[in-house]
PDB file of N, CA and C in Angstrom:
ATOM      1  N   MET A   1     -25.221   6.567   5.939  1.00  0.00           N
ATOM      2  CA  MET A   1     -23.921   5.942   5.973  1.00  0.00           C
ATOM      3  C   MET A   1     -22.872   7.010   6.294  1.00  0.00           C
ATOM      4  N   ILE A   2     -21.882   6.632   7.098  1.00  0.00           N
ATOM      5  CA  ILE A   2     -20.780   7.518   7.496  1.00  0.00           C
ATOM      6  C   ILE A   2     -19.485   7.008   6.882  1.00  0.00           C
ATOM      7  N   LYS A   3     -18.752   7.907   6.259  1.00  0.00           N
ATOM      8  CA  LYS A   3     -17.392   7.617   5.792  1.00  0.00           C
ATOM      9  C   LYS A   3     -16.444   8.309   6.775  1.00  0.00           C
ATOM     10  N   HIS A   4     -15.426   7.600   7.175  1.00  0.00           N
ATOM     11  CA  HIS A   4     -14.456   8.073   8.175  1.00  0.00           C
ATOM     12  C   HIS A   4     -13.081   8.023   7.525  1.00  0.00           C
ATOM     13  N   ILE A   5     -12.456   9.184   7.364  1.00  0.00           N
ATOM     14  CA  ILE A   5     -11.123   9.268   6.771  1.00  0.00           C
ATOM     15  C   ILE A   5     -10.161   9.779   7.837  1.00  0.00           C
ATOM     16  N   VAL A   6      -9.050   9.085   7.989  1.00  0.00           N
ATOM     17  CA  VAL A   6      -8.018   9.500   8.940  1.00  0.00           C
ATOM     18  C   VAL A   6      -6.678   9.413   8.237  1.00  0.00           C
ATOM     19  N   TRP A   7      -5.840  10.456   8.421  1.00  0.00           N
ATOM     20  CA  TRP A   7      -4.486  10.357   7.899  1.00  0.00           C
ATOM     21  C   TRP A   7      -3.488  10.725   8.975  1.00  0.00           C
ATOM     22  N   PHE A   8      -2.377  10.009   8.924  1.00  0.00           N
ATOM     23  CA  PHE A   8      -1.358  10.095   9.965  1.00  0.00           C
ATOM     24  C   PHE A   8      -0.020  10.523   9.385  1.00  0.00           C
ATOM     25  N   THR A   9       0.638  11.414  10.087  1.00  0.00           N
ATOM     26  CA  THR A   9       2.035  11.737   9.838  1.00  0.00           C
ATOM     27  C   THR A   9       2.814  11.139  11.004  1.00  0.00           C
ATOM     28  N   LEU A  10       3.848  10.405  10.697  1.00  0.00           N
ATOM     29  CA  LEU A  10       4.574   9.671  11.734  1.00  0.00           C
ATOM     30  C   LEU A  10       5.866  10.374  12.147  1.00  0.00           C
ATOM     31  N   LYS A  11       6.267  10.106  13.375  1.00  0.00           N
ATOM     32  CA  LYS A  11       7.573  10.551  13.854  1.00  0.00           C
ATOM     33  C   LYS A  11       8.649   9.817  13.064  1.00  0.00           C
ATOM     34  N   GLU A  12       9.780  10.464  12.826  1.00  0.00           N
ATOM     35  CA  GLU A  12      10.858   9.826  12.053  1.00  0.00           C
ATOM     36  C   GLU A  12      11.294   8.511  12.674  1.00  0.00           C
ATOM     37  N   GLU A  13      11.299   8.483  13.997  1.00  0.00           N
ATOM     38  CA  GLU A  13      11.628   7.257  14.721  1.00  0.00           C
ATOM     39  C   GLU A  13      10.830   7.231  16.010  1.00  0.00           C
ATOM     40  N   ALA A  14      10.271   6.075  16.335  1.00  0.00           N
ATOM     41  CA  ALA A  14       9.517   5.917  17.579  1.00  0.00           C
ATOM     42  C   ALA A  14       9.400   4.428  17.893  1.00  0.00           C
ATOM     43  N   GLU A  15       9.364   4.125  19.170  1.00  0.00           N
ATOM     44  CA  GLU A  15       9.232   2.739  19.614  1.00  0.00           C
ATOM     45  C   GLU A  15      10.312   1.847  19.004  1.00  0.00           C
ATOM     46  N   GLY A  16      11.504   2.424  18.780  1.00  0.00           N
ATOM     47  CA  GLY A  16      12.635   1.654  18.266  1.00  0.00           C
ATOM     48  C   GLY A  16      12.572   1.320  16.794  1.00  0.00           C
ATOM     49  N   ALA A  17      11.700   2.006  16.045  1.00  0.00           N
ATOM     50  CA  ALA A  17      11.544   1.701  14.629  1.00  0.00           C
ATOM     51  C   ALA A  17      11.442   2.985  13.808  1.00  0.00           C
ATOM     52  N   SER A  18      11.720   2.862  12.526  1.00  0.00           N
ATOM     53  CA  SER A  18      11.622   3.999  11.613  1.00  0.00           C
ATOM     54  C   SER A  18      10.157   4.303  11.305  1.00  0.00           C
ATOM     55  N   ALA A  19       9.917   5.472  10.724  1.00  0.00           N
ATOM     56  CA  ALA A  19       8.559   5.834  10.316  1.00  0.00           C
ATOM     57  C   ALA A  19       8.004   4.820   9.322  1.00  0.00           C
ATOM     58  N   ALA A  20       8.826   4.381   8.384  1.00  0.00           N
ATOM     59  CA  ALA A  20       8.368   3.408   7.382  1.00  0.00           C
ATOM     60  C   ALA A  20       7.975   2.088   8.037  1.00  0.00           C
ATOM     61  N   ASP A  21       8.777   1.622   8.978  1.00  0.00           N
ATOM     62  CA  ASP A  21       8.456   0.370   9.674  1.00  0.00           C
ATOM     63  C   ASP A  21       7.183   0.515  10.502  1.00  0.00           C
ATOM     64  N   ASN A  22       7.039   1.656  11.183  1.00  0.00           N
ATOM     65  CA  ASN A  22       5.837   1.880  11.982  1.00  0.00           C
ATOM     66  C   ASN A  22       4.604   2.040  11.095  1.00  0.00           C
ATOM     67  N   ALA A  23       4.759   2.661   9.933  1.00  0.00           N
ATOM     68  CA  ALA A  23       3.634   2.787   8.999  1.00  0.00           C
ATOM     69  C   ALA A  23       3.160   1.399   8.568  1.00  0.00           C
ATOM     70  N   ALA A  24       4.094   0.530   8.237  1.00  0.00           N
ATOM     71  CA  ALA A  24       3.734  -0.829   7.831  1.00  0.00           C
ATOM     72  C   ALA A  24       3.019  -1.568   8.971  1.00  0.00           C
ATOM     73  N   LYS A  25       3.474  -1.355  10.191  1.00  0.00           N
ATOM     74  CA  LYS A  25       2.832  -2.001  11.337  1.00  0.00           C
ATOM     75  C   LYS A  25       1.411  -1.463  11.532  1.00  0.00           C
ATOM     76  N   ILE A  26       1.224  -0.157  11.382  1.00  0.00           N
ATOM     77  CA  ILE A  26      -0.106   0.437  11.517  1.00  0.00           C
ATOM     78  C   ILE A  26      -1.048  -0.141  10.464  1.00  0.00           C
ATOM     79  N   VAL A  27      -0.579  -0.190   9.216  1.00  0.00           N
ATOM     80  CA  VAL A  27      -1.411  -0.733   8.142  1.00  0.00           C
ATOM     81  C   VAL A  27      -1.820  -2.176   8.464  1.00  0.00           C
ATOM     82  N   ALA A  28      -0.881  -2.996   8.896  1.00  0.00           N
ATOM     83  CA  ALA A  28      -1.188  -4.390   9.224  1.00  0.00           C
ATOM     84  C   ALA A  28      -2.179  -4.490  10.385  1.00  0.00           C
ATOM     85  N   MET A  29      -1.970  -3.678  11.416  1.00  0.00           N
ATOM     86  CA  MET A  29      -2.862  -3.701  12.577  1.00  0.00           C
ATOM     87  C   MET A  29      -4.281  -3.309  12.184  1.00  0.00           C
ATOM     88  N   LEU A  30      -4.395  -2.254  11.385  1.00  0.00           N
ATOM     89  CA  LEU A  30      -5.716  -1.792  10.987  1.00  0.00           C
ATOM     90  C   LEU A  30      -6.399  -2.792  10.064  1.00  0.00           C
ATOM     91  N   ARG A  31      -5.668  -3.342   9.126  1.00  0.00           N
ATOM     92  CA  ARG A  31      -6.263  -4.349   8.228  1.00  0.00           C
ATOM     93  C   ARG A  31      -6.751  -5.568   9.014  1.00  0.00           C
ATOM     94  N   ASP A  32      -6.087  -5.865  10.101  1.00  0.00           N
ATOM     95  CA  ASP A  32      -6.470  -7.008  10.927  1.00  0.00           C
ATOM     96  C   ASP A  32      -7.822  -6.805  11.621  1.00  0.00           C
ATOM     97  N   LEU A  33      -8.317  -5.569  11.651  1.00  0.00           N
ATOM     98  CA  LEU A  33      -9.616  -5.297  12.269  1.00  0.00           C
ATOM     99  C   LEU A  33     -10.787  -5.769  11.405  1.00  0.00           C
ATOM    100  N   GLU A  34     -10.550  -5.935  10.112  1.00  0.00           N
ATOM    101  CA  GLU A  34     -11.628  -6.332   9.204  1.00  0.00           C
ATOM    102  C   GLU A  34     -12.274  -7.629   9.669  1.00  0.00           C
ATOM    103  N   GLY A  35     -13.604  -7.619   9.715  1.00  0.00           N
ATOM    104  CA  GLY A  35     -14.356  -8.794  10.118  1.00  0.00           C
ATOM    105  C   GLY A  35     -14.416  -9.022  11.618  1.00  0.00           C
ATOM    106  N   LYS A  36     -13.773  -8.171  12.395  1.00  0.00           N
ATOM    107  CA  LYS A  36     -13.728  -8.369  13.847  1.00  0.00           C
ATOM    108  C   LYS A  36     -14.551  -7.341  14.620  1.00  0.00           C
ATOM    109  N   ILE A  37     -14.939  -6.248  13.957  1.00  0.00           N
ATOM    110  CA  ILE A  37     -15.733  -5.202  14.604  1.00  0.00           C
ATOM    111  C   ILE A  37     -17.038  -5.093  13.815  1.00  0.00           C
ATOM    112  N   PRO A  38     -18.165  -5.465  14.421  1.00  0.00           N
ATOM    113  CA  PRO A  38     -19.427  -5.526  13.673  1.00  0.00           C
ATOM    114  C   PRO A  38     -19.809  -4.226  12.954  1.00  0.00           C
ATOM    115  N   SER A  39     -19.544  -3.080  13.538  1.00  0.00           N
ATOM    116  CA  SER A  39     -19.967  -1.815  12.925  1.00  0.00           C
ATOM    117  C   SER A  39     -18.997  -1.317  11.848  1.00  0.00           C
ATOM    118  N   LEU A  40     -17.902  -2.029  11.633  1.00  0.00           N
ATOM    119  CA  LEU A  40     -16.940  -1.680  10.586  1.00  0.00           C
ATOM    120  C   LEU A  40     -17.367  -2.388   9.302  1.00  0.00           C
ATOM    121  N   LYS A  41     -17.994  -1.636   8.398  1.00  0.00           N
ATOM    122  CA  LYS A  41     -18.560  -2.222   7.176  1.00  0.00           C
ATOM    123  C   LYS A  41     -17.504  -2.406   6.102  1.00  0.00           C
ATOM    124  N   THR A  42     -16.671  -1.398   5.856  1.00  0.00           N
ATOM    125  CA  THR A  42     -15.572  -1.507   4.901  1.00  0.00           C
ATOM    126  C   THR A  42     -14.360  -0.797   5.482  1.00  0.00           C
ATOM    127  N   LEU A  43     -13.190  -1.214   5.019  1.00  0.00           N
ATOM    128  CA  LEU A  43     -11.944  -0.601   5.483  1.00  0.00           C
ATOM    129  C   LEU A  43     -10.931  -0.625   4.354  1.00  0.00           C
ATOM    130  N   ASP A  44     -10.409   0.539   4.034  1.00  0.00           N
ATOM    131  CA  ASP A  44      -9.280   0.678   3.118  1.00  0.00           C
ATOM    132  C   ASP A  44      -8.191   1.406   3.889  1.00  0.00           C
ATOM    133  N   VAL A  45      -6.985   0.883   3.838  1.00  0.00           N
ATOM    134  CA  VAL A  45      -5.864   1.523   4.515  1.00  0.00           C
ATOM    135  C   VAL A  45      -4.628   1.344   3.641  1.00  0.00           C
ATOM    136  N   SER A  46      -3.811   2.405   3.565  1.00  0.00           N
ATOM    137  CA  SER A  46      -2.657   2.357   2.671  1.00  0.00           C
ATOM    138  C   SER A  46      -1.539   3.263   3.177  1.00  0.00           C
ATOM    139  N   MET A  47      -0.347   2.940   2.691  1.00  0.00           N
ATOM    140  CA  MET A  47       0.808   3.808   2.913  1.00  0.00           C
ATOM    141  C   MET A  47       1.446   4.173   1.570  1.00  0.00           C
ATOM    142  N   GLU A  48       0.677   3.970   0.492  1.00  0.00           N
ATOM    143  CA  GLU A  48       1.131   4.321  -0.849  1.00  0.00           C
ATOM    144  C   GLU A  48       0.272   5.475  -1.369  1.00  0.00           C
ATOM    145  N   PHE A  49       0.923   6.524  -1.862  1.00  0.00           N
ATOM    146  CA  PHE A  49       0.224   7.745  -2.254  1.00  0.00           C
ATOM    147  C   PHE A  49       0.611   8.182  -3.655  1.00  0.00           C
ATOM    148  N   ALA A  50      -0.367   8.733  -4.359  1.00  0.00           N
ATOM    149  CA  ALA A  50      -0.123   9.281  -5.692  1.00  0.00           C
ATOM    150  C   ALA A  50       0.721  10.547  -5.574  1.00  0.00           C
ATOM    151  N   GLY A  51       1.409  10.860  -6.631  1.00  0.00           N
ATOM    152  CA  GLY A  51       2.253  12.049  -6.654  1.00  0.00           C
ATOM    153  C   GLY A  51       1.490  13.352  -6.482  1.00  0.00           C
ATOM    154  N   THR A  52       0.191  13.328  -6.645  1.00  0.00           N
ATOM    155  CA  THR A  52      -0.632  14.530  -6.503  1.00  0.00           C
ATOM    156  C   THR A  52      -0.995  14.843  -5.055  1.00  0.00           C
ATOM    157  N   THR A  53      -0.602  13.986  -4.128  1.00  0.00           N
ATOM    158  CA  THR A  53      -0.931  14.186  -2.715  1.00  0.00           C
ATOM    159  C   THR A  53      -0.280  15.453  -2.189  1.00  0.00           C
ATOM    160  N   THR A  54      -1.065  16.275  -1.493  1.00  0.00           N
ATOM    161  CA  THR A  54      -0.569  17.559  -1.003  1.00  0.00           C
ATOM    162  C   THR A  54      -0.339  17.600   0.499  1.00  0.00           C
ATOM    163  N   GLU A  55      -0.636  16.516   1.187  1.00  0.00           N
ATOM    164  CA  GLU A  55      -0.453  16.453   2.637  1.00  0.00           C
ATOM    165  C   GLU A  55       0.797  15.648   2.980  1.00  0.00           C
ATOM    166  N   ASP A  56       1.434  16.005   4.090  1.00  0.00           N
ATOM    167  CA  ASP A  56       2.549  15.228   4.621  1.00  0.00           C
ATOM    168  C   ASP A  56       1.929  14.076   5.404  1.00  0.00           C
ATOM    169  N   VAL A  57       1.863  12.901   4.782  1.00  0.00           N
ATOM    170  CA  VAL A  57       1.128  11.785   5.362  1.00  0.00           C
ATOM    171  C   VAL A  57       1.832  10.480   5.018  1.00  0.00           C
ATOM    172  N   GLN A  58       1.824   9.532   5.967  1.00  0.00           N
ATOM    173  CA  GLN A  58       2.409   8.219   5.721  1.00  0.00           C
ATOM    174  C   GLN A  58       1.369   7.101   5.708  1.00  0.00           C
ATOM    175  N   VAL A  59       0.239   7.297   6.388  1.00  0.00           N
ATOM    176  CA  VAL A  59      -0.805   6.270   6.422  1.00  0.00           C
ATOM    177  C   VAL A  59      -2.161   6.953   6.289  1.00  0.00           C
ATOM    178  N   ILE A  60      -3.031   6.360   5.479  1.00  0.00           N
ATOM    179  CA  ILE A  60      -4.410   6.848   5.358  1.00  0.00           C
ATOM    180  C   ILE A  60      -5.372   5.687   5.533  1.00  0.00           C
ATOM    181  N   LEU A  61      -6.515   5.995   6.134  1.00  0.00           N
ATOM    182  CA  LEU A  61      -7.555   5.009   6.395  1.00  0.00           C
ATOM    183  C   LEU A  61      -8.885   5.585   5.940  1.00  0.00           C
ATOM    184  N   LEU A  62      -9.686   4.763   5.294  1.00  0.00           N
ATOM    185  CA  LEU A  62     -11.067   5.108   4.942  1.00  0.00           C
ATOM    186  C   LEU A  62     -11.941   3.952   5.398  1.00  0.00           C
ATOM    187  N   SER A  63     -12.862   4.232   6.315  1.00  0.00           N
ATOM    188  CA  SER A  63     -13.774   3.182   6.775  1.00  0.00           C
ATOM    189  C   SER A  63     -15.209   3.652   6.579  1.00  0.00           C
ATOM    190  N   THR A  64     -16.106   2.679   6.509  1.00  0.00           N
ATOM    191  CA  THR A  64     -17.525   2.948   6.319  1.00  0.00           C
ATOM    192  C   THR A  64     -18.309   2.322   7.459  1.00  0.00           C
ATOM    193  N   HIS A  65     -19.318   3.083   7.930  1.00  0.00           N
ATOM    194  CA  HIS A  65     -20.164   2.657   9.045  1.00  0.00           C
ATOM    195  C   HIS A  65     -21.605   3.036   8.712  1.00  0.00           C
ATOM    196  N   ASP A  66     -22.562   2.297   9.246  1.00  0.00           N
ATOM    197  CA  ASP A  66     -23.964   2.576   8.942  1.00  0.00           C
ATOM    198  C   ASP A  66     -24.398   3.968   9.380  1.00  0.00           C
ATOM    199  N   ASP A  67     -23.899   4.413  10.528  1.00  0.00           N
ATOM    200  CA  ASP A  67     -24.334   5.692  11.089  1.00  0.00           C
ATOM    201  C   ASP A  67     -23.322   6.143  12.145  1.00  0.00           C
ATOM    202  N   GLU A  68     -23.608   7.258  12.792  1.00  0.00           N
ATOM    203  CA  GLU A  68     -22.683   7.779  13.802  1.00  0.00           C
ATOM    204  C   GLU A  68     -22.542   6.832  14.993  1.00  0.00           C
ATOM    205  N   ALA A  69     -23.610   6.133  15.331  1.00  0.00           N
ATOM    206  CA  ALA A  69     -23.514   5.156  16.425  1.00  0.00           C
ATOM    207  C   ALA A  69     -22.554   4.032  16.041  1.00  0.00           C
ATOM    208  N   GLY A  70     -22.585   3.620  14.786  1.00  0.00           N
ATOM    209  CA  GLY A  70     -21.658   2.594  14.315  1.00  0.00           C
ATOM    210  C   GLY A  70     -20.221   3.067  14.343  1.00  0.00           C
ATOM    211  N   LEU A  71     -20.004   4.315  13.974  1.00  0.00           N
ATOM    212  CA  LEU A  71     -18.655   4.893  14.037  1.00  0.00           C
ATOM    213  C   LEU A  71     -18.175   4.939  15.485  1.00  0.00           C
ATOM    214  N   ALA A  72     -19.055   5.328  16.387  1.00  0.00           N
ATOM    215  CA  ALA A  72     -18.694   5.367  17.810  1.00  0.00           C
ATOM    216  C   ALA A  72     -18.388   3.958  18.331  1.00  0.00           C
ATOM    217  N   GLY A  73     -19.156   2.976  17.885  1.00  0.00           N
ATOM    218  CA  GLY A  73     -18.907   1.595  18.292  1.00  0.00           C
ATOM    219  C   GLY A  73     -17.545   1.109  17.829  1.00  0.00           C
ATOM    220  N   TYR A  74     -17.180   1.483  16.619  1.00  0.00           N
ATOM    221  CA  TYR A  74     -15.844   1.169  16.071  1.00  0.00           C
ATOM    222  C   TYR A  74     -14.765   1.863  16.885  1.00  0.00           C
ATOM    223  N   ALA A  75     -14.948   3.150  17.115  1.00  0.00           N
ATOM    224  CA  ALA A  75     -13.938   3.936  17.832  1.00  0.00           C
ATOM    225  C   ALA A  75     -13.685   3.406  19.237  1.00  0.00           C
ATOM    226  N   ASN A  76     -14.728   2.899  19.877  1.00  0.00           N
ATOM    227  CA  ASN A  76     -14.616   2.445  21.268  1.00  0.00           C
ATOM    228  C   ASN A  76     -14.393   0.947  21.414  1.00  0.00           C
ATOM    229  N   HIS A  77     -14.357   0.225  20.298  1.00  0.00           N
ATOM    230  CA  HIS A  77     -14.153  -1.224  20.360  1.00  0.00           C
ATOM    231  C   HIS A  77     -12.746  -1.517  20.898  1.00  0.00           C
ATOM    232  N   PRO A  78     -12.605  -2.482  21.793  1.00  0.00           N
ATOM    233  CA  PRO A  78     -11.294  -2.770  22.394  1.00  0.00           C
ATOM    234  C   PRO A  78     -10.179  -3.040  21.379  1.00  0.00           C
ATOM    235  N   LEU A  79     -10.477  -3.690  20.270  1.00  0.00           N
ATOM    236  CA  LEU A  79      -9.438  -3.943  19.269  1.00  0.00           C
ATOM    237  C   LEU A  79      -8.973  -2.650  18.602  1.00  0.00           C
ATOM    238  N   HIS A  80      -9.909  -1.740  18.359  1.00  0.00           N
ATOM    239  CA  HIS A  80      -9.544  -0.442  17.780  1.00  0.00           C
ATOM    240  C   HIS A  80      -8.761   0.389  18.797  1.00  0.00           C
ATOM    241  N   VAL A  81      -9.194   0.355  20.037  1.00  0.00           N
ATOM    242  CA  VAL A  81      -8.493   1.093  21.092  1.00  0.00           C
ATOM    243  C   VAL A  81      -7.053   0.586  21.222  1.00  0.00           C
ATOM    244  N   GLU A  82      -6.864  -0.720  21.109  1.00  0.00           N
ATOM    245  CA  GLU A  82      -5.522  -1.300  21.168  1.00  0.00           C
ATOM    246  C   GLU A  82      -4.644  -0.762  20.035  1.00  0.00           C
ATOM    247  N   CYS A  83      -5.192  -0.687  18.837  1.00  0.00           N
ATOM    248  CA  CYS A  83      -4.443  -0.095  17.708  1.00  0.00           C
ATOM    249  C   CYS A  83      -4.090   1.355  18.024  1.00  0.00           C
ATOM    250  N   GLY A  84      -5.076   2.083  18.532  1.00  0.00           N
ATOM    251  CA  GLY A  84      -4.871   3.496  18.846  1.00  0.00           C
ATOM    252  C   GLY A  84      -3.776   3.725  19.872  1.00  0.00           C
ATOM    253  N   THR A  85      -3.636   2.815  20.797  1.00  0.00           N
ATOM    254  CA  THR A  85      -2.583   2.943  21.810  1.00  0.00           C
ATOM    255  C   THR A  85      -1.211   2.951  21.153  1.00  0.00           C
ATOM    256  N   PHE A  86      -0.994   2.046  20.206  1.00  0.00           N
ATOM    257  CA  PHE A  86       0.281   2.026  19.488  1.00  0.00           C
ATOM    258  C   PHE A  86       0.410   3.248  18.578  1.00  0.00           C
ATOM    259  N   ILE A  87      -0.626   3.550  17.844  1.00  0.00           N
ATOM    260  CA  ILE A  87      -0.581   4.664  16.886  1.00  0.00           C
ATOM    261  C   ILE A  87      -0.221   5.969  17.584  1.00  0.00           C
ATOM    262  N   LYS A  88      -0.806   6.226  18.737  1.00  0.00           N
ATOM    263  CA  LYS A  88      -0.523   7.460  19.472  1.00  0.00           C
ATOM    264  C   LYS A  88       0.953   7.593  19.829  1.00  0.00           C
ATOM    265  N   LYS A  89       1.642   6.474  19.997  1.00  0.00           N
ATOM    266  CA  LYS A  89       3.059   6.505  20.355  1.00  0.00           C
ATOM    267  C   LYS A  89       3.960   6.870  19.177  1.00  0.00           C
ATOM    268  N   VAL A  90       3.491   6.632  17.950  1.00  0.00           N
ATOM    269  CA  VAL A  90       4.379   6.772  16.794  1.00  0.00           C
ATOM    270  C   VAL A  90       4.001   7.901  15.836  1.00  0.00           C
ATOM    271  N   VAL A  91       2.856   8.546  16.045  1.00  0.00           N
ATOM    272  CA  VAL A  91       2.452   9.615  15.135  1.00  0.00           C
ATOM    273  C   VAL A  91       2.784  10.988  15.695  1.00  0.00           C
ATOM    274  N   SER A  92       3.073  11.890  14.789  1.00  0.00           N
ATOM    275  CA  SER A  92       3.255  13.286  15.180  1.00  0.00           C
ATOM    276  C   SER A  92       1.997  14.094  14.896  1.00  0.00           C
ATOM    277  N   SER A  93       1.139  13.574  14.003  1.00  0.00           N
ATOM    278  CA  SER A  93      -0.072  14.301  13.642  1.00  0.00           C
ATOM    279  C   SER A  93      -1.134  13.323  13.155  1.00  0.00           C
ATOM    280  N   ARG A  94      -2.376  13.611  13.525  1.00  0.00           N
ATOM    281  CA  ARG A  94      -3.533  12.828  13.070  1.00  0.00           C
ATOM    282  C   ARG A  94      -4.620  13.809  12.658  1.00  0.00           C
ATOM    283  N   LYS A  95      -5.176  13.589  11.482  1.00  0.00           N
ATOM    284  CA  LYS A  95      -6.306  14.407  11.027  1.00  0.00           C
ATOM    285  C   LYS A  95      -7.414  13.467  10.608  1.00  0.00           C
ATOM    286  N   ALA A  96      -8.652  13.895  10.835  1.00  0.00           N
ATOM    287  CA  ALA A  96      -9.793  13.045  10.496  1.00  0.00           C
ATOM    288  C   ALA A  96     -10.942  13.878   9.949  1.00  0.00           C
ATOM    289  N   ILE A  97     -11.693  13.246   9.059  1.00  0.00           N
ATOM    290  CA  ILE A  97     -12.919  13.826   8.509  1.00  0.00           C
ATOM    291  C   ILE A  97     -13.957  12.718   8.491  1.00  0.00           C
ATOM    292  N   ASP A  98     -15.136  13.018   8.998  1.00  0.00           N
ATOM    293  CA  ASP A  98     -16.264  12.095   8.949  1.00  0.00           C
ATOM    294  C   ASP A  98     -17.371  12.784   8.161  1.00  0.00           C
ATOM    295  N   PHE A  99     -17.963  12.067   7.185  1.00  0.00           N
ATOM    296  CA  PHE A  99     -19.026  12.689   6.410  1.00  0.00           C
ATOM    297  C   PHE A  99     -20.126  11.688   6.084  1.00  0.00           C
ATOM    298  N   VAL A 100     -21.308  12.220   5.879  1.00  0.00           N
ATOM    299  CA  VAL A 100     -22.499  11.426   5.622  1.00  0.00           C
ATOM    300  C   VAL A 100     -22.708  11.300   4.120  1.00  0.00           C
ATOM    301  N   VAL A 101     -22.997  10.075   3.649  1.00  0.00           N
ATOM    302  CA  VAL A 101     -23.329   9.850   2.247  1.00  0.00           C
ATOM    303  C   VAL A 101     -24.688   9.188   2.135  1.00  0.00           C
TER     304      VAL A 101
END
């Protein structure tokens, strides 16, 4: 099983909206992927962080996939690519970690 963690830092303003508004849109777009991409087994996405967070981040995603092929299928799925097109316009930084459990 592969766990995929991605966190985003957003531009203060992009696409005519604030970082907070764009974060909410990203969360909604990503949550909408649930049940639509076969290789996406679980998805948690949030813009709420505990006070112990040490990264400058506005949105975090944790998804689960059966294996690396499943992660690749998710990454290349047209619905995910569509989300990525918007996300790339509004983020200043993206970091990701994929690990096997």
